[in-house]
Amino acid sequence: MTESSRPHKAGAFDIRLIIALLLGVYGVVLTVMGIAFTSDADRAKAAGVNINLWAGIGLLVITALFGLWTVLRPLVVPAGTDTADAAAANEPGE
């Protein structure tokens, strides 16, 4: 069995990590906006709730859950799905 035919983990290309990264960036932005840049007028519009802060914290919690999910249940790419196999299958002259 060669090195390229063994199953391997998706790693950085796992869609869960990409989603977690995007949610994490939005979560950090909203948390910073909620802590530093929310005025009393903004809170009054949201019925007295600092909605940016709570939404940011919620997104950061979801980001942590996605990261934990990725670590605990890694996505395994089956053997034989390498680009070399795909290129060989598409070669003319069969």
Protein backbone atom coordinates (compact mmCIF):
# COMPACT_ATOMS: atom_id res chain seq x y z
CA MET A 1 0.00 0.00 0.00
CA THR A 2 1.54 3.30 -1.04
CA GLU A 3 1.53 6.52 0.96
CA SER A 4 -1.00 8.23 -1.34
CA SER A 5 -3.55 5.40 -1.29
CA ARG A 6 -4.08 5.45 2.49
CA PRO A 7 -7.03 7.37 3.97
CA HIS A 8 -6.09 10.72 5.48
CA LYS A 9 -7.76 13.57 7.35
CA ALA A 10 -9.16 16.58 5.52
CA GLY A 11 -7.22 18.96 7.78
CA ALA A 12 -7.54 22.64 6.90
CA PHE A 13 -9.92 21.85 4.03
CA ASP A 14 -12.63 20.61 6.38
CA ILE A 15 -15.68 22.83 5.78
CA ARG A 16 -16.37 22.93 9.52
CA LEU A 17 -13.10 24.80 10.09
CA ILE A 18 -13.91 27.31 7.37
CA ILE A 19 -17.35 27.96 8.87
CA ALA A 20 -15.82 28.23 12.35
CA LEU A 21 -13.28 30.76 11.08
CA LEU A 22 -15.97 32.95 9.52
CA LEU A 23 -18.23 32.76 12.57
CA GLY A 24 -15.25 33.46 14.83
CA VAL A 25 -14.28 36.60 12.93
CA TYR A 26 -17.85 37.92 13.09
CA GLY A 27 -18.03 36.94 16.76
CA VAL A 28 -14.87 38.85 17.65
CA VAL A 29 -16.05 41.93 15.73
CA LEU A 30 -19.47 41.90 17.42
CA THR A 31 -17.97 41.30 20.87
CA VAL A 32 -15.57 44.23 20.47
CA MET A 33 -18.40 46.41 19.15
CA GLY A 34 -20.58 45.39 22.10
CA ILE A 35 -17.90 46.07 24.69
CA ALA A 36 -16.36 49.27 23.35
CA PHE A 37 -18.67 50.96 20.87
CA THR A 38 -22.25 50.46 22.04
CA SER A 39 -23.93 53.61 23.32
CA ASP A 40 -26.92 53.98 25.60
CA ALA A 41 -29.00 54.99 22.58
CA ASP A 42 -28.08 51.71 20.86
CA ARG A 43 -29.08 49.75 23.96
CA ALA A 44 -32.38 51.64 24.14
CA LYS A 45 -33.16 50.59 20.55
CA ALA A 46 -32.70 46.94 21.58
CA ALA A 47 -34.94 47.08 24.68
CA GLY A 48 -31.99 47.62 27.01
CA VAL A 49 -30.00 44.61 25.79
CA ASN A 50 -26.46 44.91 24.48
CA ILE A 51 -27.30 42.78 21.46
CA ASN A 52 -23.87 43.11 19.81
CA LEU A 53 -22.18 41.73 22.90
CA TRP A 54 -24.56 38.81 23.32
CA ALA A 55 -24.57 37.93 19.62
CA GLY A 56 -20.76 38.05 19.57
CA ILE A 57 -20.48 35.80 22.61
CA GLY A 58 -22.99 33.40 21.04
CA LEU A 59 -20.99 33.25 17.82
CA LEU A 60 -17.77 32.61 19.74
CA VAL A 61 -19.44 29.73 21.61
CA ILE A 62 -20.63 28.25 18.30
CA THR A 63 -17.11 28.67 16.91
CA ALA A 64 -15.70 26.72 19.86
CA LEU A 65 -18.30 23.98 19.33
CA PHE A 66 -17.40 23.68 15.64
CA GLY A 67 -13.71 23.46 16.55
CA LEU A 68 -14.40 20.82 19.18
CA TRP A 69 -16.52 18.87 16.70
CA THR A 70 -13.70 18.95 14.17
CA VAL A 71 -11.16 17.69 16.70
CA LEU A 72 -13.37 14.96 18.15
CA ARG A 73 -14.78 13.69 14.84
CA PRO A 74 -12.21 14.40 12.08
CA LEU A 75 -13.30 14.01 8.48
CA VAL A 76 -11.42 11.12 6.85
CA VAL A 77 -10.92 11.28 3.10
CA PRO A 78 -11.25 7.79 1.58
CA ALA A 79 -8.36 6.24 -0.31
CA GLY A 80 -8.28 6.65 -4.07
CA THR A 81 -9.61 10.19 -4.23
CA ASP A 82 -6.28 11.87 -4.90
CA THR A 83 -5.86 14.24 -7.81
CA ALA A 84 -3.40 11.83 -9.44
CA ASP A 85 -6.12 9.19 -9.60
CA ALA A 86 -8.54 11.69 -11.11
CA ALA A 87 -5.97 12.82 -13.67
CA ALA A 88 -5.23 9.23 -14.68
CA ALA A 89 -8.92 8.51 -15.16
CA ASN A 90 -9.33 11.52 -17.48
CA GLU A 91 -6.39 10.74 -19.78
CA PRO A 92 -7.37 10.11 -23.39
CA GLY A 93 -6.29 6.97 -25.21
CA GLU A 94 -8.18 4.25 -23.46
